[in-house]
Amino acid sequence: MKTIRVRYFALLREQRGQEEELVQTGAATPAELYRELAGRHRLTLPEARLRVAINEEFGSWTAPLCADDRVAFIPPVAGG
């Protein structure tokens, strides 16, 4: 198990009810982590609609996660 700091934006933040949390997880990738959290917190957006950032840089859903990483799930945002 490792500790990951997760940040939620826009609709995900509303659904989770908070902007950030520390998560104890065995997830090896952001994709596994998102599926775990989506099930736990009833997040409705599919991965295909999101971007993921790891340690403040856009990353791959299949990148390996390490202890103390910072992961952000970023939905599309409307605006002009």
Protein backbone atom coordinates (compact mmCIF):
# COMPACT_ATOMS: atom_id res chain seq x y z
CA MET A 1 0.00 0.00 0.00
CA LYS A 2 1.11 3.53 -0.71
CA THR A 3 -0.20 6.98 0.11
CA ILE A 4 -1.27 9.14 -2.85
CA ARG A 5 -2.55 12.74 -2.64
CA VAL A 6 -5.56 13.00 -4.97
CA ARG A 7 -7.05 16.27 -6.22
CA TYR A 8 -10.47 16.55 -7.82
CA PHE A 9 -11.62 19.32 -10.14
CA ALA A 10 -14.99 20.64 -11.38
CA LEU A 11 -17.75 17.99 -11.44
CA LEU A 12 -15.55 15.42 -9.70
CA ARG A 13 -14.94 17.84 -6.83
CA GLU A 14 -18.71 18.36 -6.51
CA GLN A 15 -19.40 14.62 -6.56
CA ARG A 16 -16.64 13.84 -4.04
CA GLY A 17 -17.56 16.77 -1.81
CA GLN A 18 -13.96 17.83 -1.36
CA GLU A 19 -11.05 19.07 -3.42
CA GLU A 20 -8.28 16.86 -2.09
CA GLU A 21 -7.67 13.72 -0.05
CA LEU A 22 -4.92 11.35 0.98
CA VAL A 23 -5.62 7.82 -0.20
CA GLN A 24 -4.06 4.54 0.90
CA THR A 25 -4.07 2.35 -2.21
CA GLY A 26 -2.52 -0.62 -3.87
CA ALA A 27 -3.32 0.80 -7.32
CA ALA A 28 -0.37 0.55 -9.69
CA THR A 29 -1.56 3.15 -12.24
CA PRO A 30 -3.80 6.23 -12.35
CA ALA A 31 -6.39 4.15 -14.24
CA GLU A 32 -6.57 1.61 -11.40
CA LEU A 33 -6.70 4.42 -8.84
CA TYR A 34 -9.54 6.20 -10.64
CA ARG A 35 -11.59 3.00 -10.94
CA GLU A 36 -11.07 2.37 -7.21
CA LEU A 37 -12.12 5.92 -6.28
CA ALA A 38 -15.01 6.02 -8.76
CA GLY A 39 -16.47 2.92 -7.14
CA ARG A 40 -15.87 4.19 -3.60
CA HIS A 41 -17.22 7.72 -4.16
CA ARG A 42 -19.70 7.12 -7.01
CA LEU A 43 -17.86 9.34 -9.48
CA THR A 44 -19.78 9.32 -12.76
CA LEU A 45 -17.32 10.50 -15.41
CA PRO A 46 -15.59 7.77 -17.44
CA GLU A 47 -11.80 7.82 -17.75
CA ALA A 48 -12.09 8.60 -21.45
CA ARG A 49 -13.53 12.03 -20.58
CA LEU A 50 -10.76 12.92 -18.12
CA ARG A 51 -7.13 13.99 -18.15
CA VAL A 52 -4.78 12.82 -15.46
CA ALA A 53 -1.85 14.73 -14.02
CA ILE A 54 0.87 13.14 -11.94
CA ASN A 55 3.03 15.42 -9.83
CA GLU A 56 1.59 18.47 -11.61
CA GLU A 57 2.32 17.27 -15.16
CA PHE A 58 -0.15 15.70 -17.57
CA GLY A 59 0.55 12.00 -17.67
CA SER A 60 -0.54 8.64 -18.94
CA TRP A 61 -3.31 6.54 -17.42
CA THR A 62 -0.85 3.63 -17.47
CA ALA A 63 2.10 5.38 -15.78
CA PRO A 64 3.35 3.66 -12.62
CA LEU A 65 2.34 5.32 -9.35
CA CYS A 66 4.82 5.75 -6.52
CA ALA A 67 4.31 6.52 -2.84
CA ASP A 68 3.70 10.21 -2.19
CA ASP A 69 2.72 10.97 -5.80
CA ARG A 70 0.19 13.74 -6.37
CA VAL A 71 -2.54 12.73 -8.82
CA ALA A 72 -5.20 15.04 -10.23
CA PHE A 73 -8.25 13.97 -12.20
CA ILE A 74 -9.33 16.78 -14.53
CA PRO A 75 -12.67 16.72 -16.38
CA PRO A 76 -13.40 18.83 -19.44
CA VAL A 77 -14.23 22.40 -18.51
CA ALA A 78 -16.53 24.59 -20.58
CA GLY A 79 -15.57 28.16 -21.11
CA GLY A 80 -14.46 30.69 -23.60
